Each structure stands twice: as structure tokens, then as C-alpha cells.
């Protein structure tokens, strides 16, 4: 695993990596927002993108996601909303 930040990570507002269950790690990268624009976050999974998460893994994922979004809200001084598709 490289310790050099990617271009996306270097330009990001928040980058965080957290465990999801025993098998996965998720790295979320949230870019710096342009004034008045919407944000989108990139999720990279290791060792591969899961096809499905069990209940425990989903709780782990949401805990990590919510922590990242809380940090974004703190940094921008406003509210954030997440829409999962």
C-alpha cells in the first residue's frame, strides 16, 4: 500500500480509512467544495468492493461514513446531507 497521497487525496477536504467488518477497509475521500456546489465522495474498498454487507458490516460502514460527514460539516461550518443509491 502506497503512503504517497493520490491527487484526489491531496485536493481533499477529508480523507479517512476505516475497517468494515473483518474483511474490508473503506477509504472515503471528500473533495474541497466549490462555493454553491454539491459534493460527492469517492469510496475505495480493499481488498475489493463488497457485493453485499451483512448487518454488522453495514453498521461499521455507516459509523465510518457518519464520522467523515460530521468532520466535513465541522470544517465547512454547515449541514451536510447524504443520499445513498
C-alpha atoms as a PDB file:
ATOM      1  CA  UNK A   1       0.000   0.000   0.000  1.00  0.00           C
ATOM      2  CA  UNK A   2       1.417   3.403  -1.001  1.00  0.00           C
ATOM      3  CA  UNK A   3       1.972   6.093   1.616  1.00  0.00           C
ATOM      4  CA  UNK A   4       2.059   8.816  -1.041  1.00  0.00           C
ATOM      5  CA  UNK A   5      -1.309  10.613  -1.212  1.00  0.00           C
ATOM      6  CA  UNK A   6      -3.130  10.409  -4.520  1.00  0.00           C
ATOM      7  CA  UNK A   7      -4.008  13.594  -6.402  1.00  0.00           C
ATOM      8  CA  UNK A   8      -7.609  13.281  -5.160  1.00  0.00           C
ATOM      9  CA  UNK A   9      -6.439  12.881  -1.552  1.00  0.00           C
ATOM     10  CA  UNK A  10      -4.115  15.884  -1.871  1.00  0.00           C
ATOM     11  CA  UNK A  11      -7.037  18.065  -3.007  1.00  0.00           C
ATOM     12  CA  UNK A  12      -9.500  16.641  -0.497  1.00  0.00           C
ATOM     13  CA  UNK A  13     -11.229  18.213   2.449  1.00  0.00           C
ATOM     14  CA  UNK A  14     -11.419  14.886   4.297  1.00  0.00           C
ATOM     15  CA  UNK A  15      -9.820  11.507   3.626  1.00  0.00           C
ATOM     16  CA  UNK A  16     -10.404   8.694   6.091  1.00  0.00           C
ATOM     17  CA  UNK A  17      -9.889   4.943   6.116  1.00  0.00           C
ATOM     18  CA  UNK A  18     -11.808   2.614   8.401  1.00  0.00           C
ATOM     19  CA  UNK A  19     -12.468  -1.096   8.845  1.00  0.00           C
ATOM     20  CA  UNK A  20     -15.770  -2.584   7.752  1.00  0.00           C
ATOM     21  CA  UNK A  21     -16.213  -5.937   9.427  1.00  0.00           C
ATOM     22  CA  UNK A  22     -13.289  -8.343   9.445  1.00  0.00           C
ATOM     23  CA  UNK A  23     -12.703  -8.453   5.703  1.00  0.00           C
ATOM     24  CA  UNK A  24     -12.880  -4.923   4.308  1.00  0.00           C
ATOM     25  CA  UNK A  25     -11.357  -1.478   4.605  1.00  0.00           C
ATOM     26  CA  UNK A  26     -13.042   1.579   3.121  1.00  0.00           C
ATOM     27  CA  UNK A  27     -11.237   4.790   2.202  1.00  0.00           C
ATOM     28  CA  UNK A  28     -13.542   7.790   1.769  1.00  0.00           C
ATOM     29  CA  UNK A  29     -12.267  10.885   0.057  1.00  0.00           C
ATOM     30  CA  UNK A  30     -14.389  14.029   0.104  1.00  0.00           C
ATOM     31  CA  UNK A  31     -13.089  16.886  -2.073  1.00  0.00           C
ATOM     32  CA  UNK A  32     -12.999  20.552  -1.139  1.00  0.00           C
ATOM     33  CA  UNK A  33     -16.308  22.106  -2.205  1.00  0.00           C
ATOM     34  CA  UNK A  34     -16.646  24.884  -4.709  1.00  0.00           C
ATOM     35  CA  UNK A  35     -18.903  27.623  -3.325  1.00  0.00           C
ATOM     36  CA  UNK A  36     -22.546  26.756  -4.004  1.00  0.00           C
ATOM     37  CA  UNK A  37     -21.836  23.314  -5.423  1.00  0.00           C
ATOM     38  CA  UNK A  38     -22.736  19.820  -4.297  1.00  0.00           C
ATOM     39  CA  UNK A  39     -20.106  17.388  -3.070  1.00  0.00           C
ATOM     40  CA  UNK A  40     -19.619  13.801  -3.989  1.00  0.00           C
ATOM     41  CA  UNK A  41     -17.431  11.382  -2.118  1.00  0.00           C
ATOM     42  CA  UNK A  42     -15.269   8.628  -3.511  1.00  0.00           C
ATOM     43  CA  UNK A  43     -15.170   5.273  -1.721  1.00  0.00           C
ATOM     44  CA  UNK A  44     -12.350   2.831  -2.374  1.00  0.00           C
ATOM     45  CA  UNK A  45     -12.666  -0.665  -0.925  1.00  0.00           C
ATOM     46  CA  UNK A  46      -9.921  -3.119  -0.052  1.00  0.00           C
ATOM     47  CA  UNK A  47      -9.379  -5.882  -0.958  1.00  0.00           C
ATOM     48  CA  UNK A  48     -12.367  -5.484  -3.323  1.00  0.00           C
ATOM     49  CA  UNK A  49     -15.764  -3.803  -3.437  1.00  0.00           C
ATOM     50  CA  UNK A  50     -18.247  -5.928  -1.480  1.00  0.00           C
ATOM     51  CA  UNK A  51     -21.312  -7.130  -3.328  1.00  0.00           C
ATOM     52  CA  UNK A  52     -23.316  -7.088  -0.104  1.00  0.00           C
ATOM     53  CA  UNK A  53     -22.703  -6.102   3.533  1.00  0.00           C
ATOM     54  CA  UNK A  54     -24.174  -8.003   6.456  1.00  0.00           C
ATOM     55  CA  UNK A  55     -25.814  -6.093   9.332  1.00  0.00           C
ATOM     56  CA  UNK A  56     -22.592  -5.718  11.327  1.00  0.00           C
ATOM     57  CA  UNK A  57     -20.613  -4.579   8.282  1.00  0.00           C
ATOM     58  CA  UNK A  58     -23.341  -2.068   7.388  1.00  0.00           C
ATOM     59  CA  UNK A  59     -23.182  -0.621  10.925  1.00  0.00           C
ATOM     60  CA  UNK A  60     -19.383  -0.332  10.632  1.00  0.00           C
ATOM     61  CA  UNK A  61     -19.688   1.346   7.230  1.00  0.00           C
ATOM     62  CA  UNK A  62     -22.320   3.828   8.410  1.00  0.00           C
ATOM     63  CA  UNK A  63     -20.342   4.624  11.567  1.00  0.00           C
ATOM     64  CA  UNK A  64     -17.265   5.469   9.459  1.00  0.00           C
ATOM     65  CA  UNK A  65     -19.302   7.359   6.861  1.00  0.00           C
ATOM     66  CA  UNK A  66     -21.127   9.386   9.510  1.00  0.00           C
ATOM     67  CA  UNK A  67     -17.846  10.298  11.221  1.00  0.00           C
ATOM     68  CA  UNK A  68     -16.442  11.548   7.890  1.00  0.00           C
ATOM     69  CA  UNK A  69     -19.584  13.568   7.156  1.00  0.00           C
ATOM     70  CA  UNK A  70     -19.550  15.054  10.665  1.00  0.00           C
ATOM     71  CA  UNK A  71     -15.978  16.213  10.078  1.00  0.00           C
ATOM     72  CA  UNK A  72     -16.997  17.796   6.754  1.00  0.00           C
ATOM     73  CA  UNK A  73     -19.885  19.623   8.465  1.00  0.00           C
ATOM     74  CA  UNK A  74     -17.500  20.897  11.134  1.00  0.00           C
ATOM     75  CA  UNK A  75     -14.954  22.083   8.568  1.00  0.00           C
ATOM     76  CA  UNK A  76     -17.448  23.880   6.325  1.00  0.00           C
ATOM     77  CA  UNK A  77     -19.460  25.247   9.250  1.00  0.00           C
ATOM     78  CA  UNK A  78     -22.764  23.963   7.922  1.00  0.00           C
ATOM     79  CA  UNK A  79     -25.017  20.996   7.456  1.00  0.00           C
ATOM     80  CA  UNK A  80     -24.416  18.041   5.146  1.00  0.00           C
ATOM     81  CA  UNK A  81     -26.808  15.510   3.698  1.00  0.00           C
ATOM     82  CA  UNK A  82     -26.026  12.066   2.334  1.00  0.00           C
ATOM     83  CA  UNK A  83     -28.102  10.272  -0.288  1.00  0.00           C
ATOM     84  CA  UNK A  84     -27.245   6.611  -0.795  1.00  0.00           C
ATOM     85  CA  UNK A  85     -28.135   4.927  -4.055  1.00  0.00           C
END
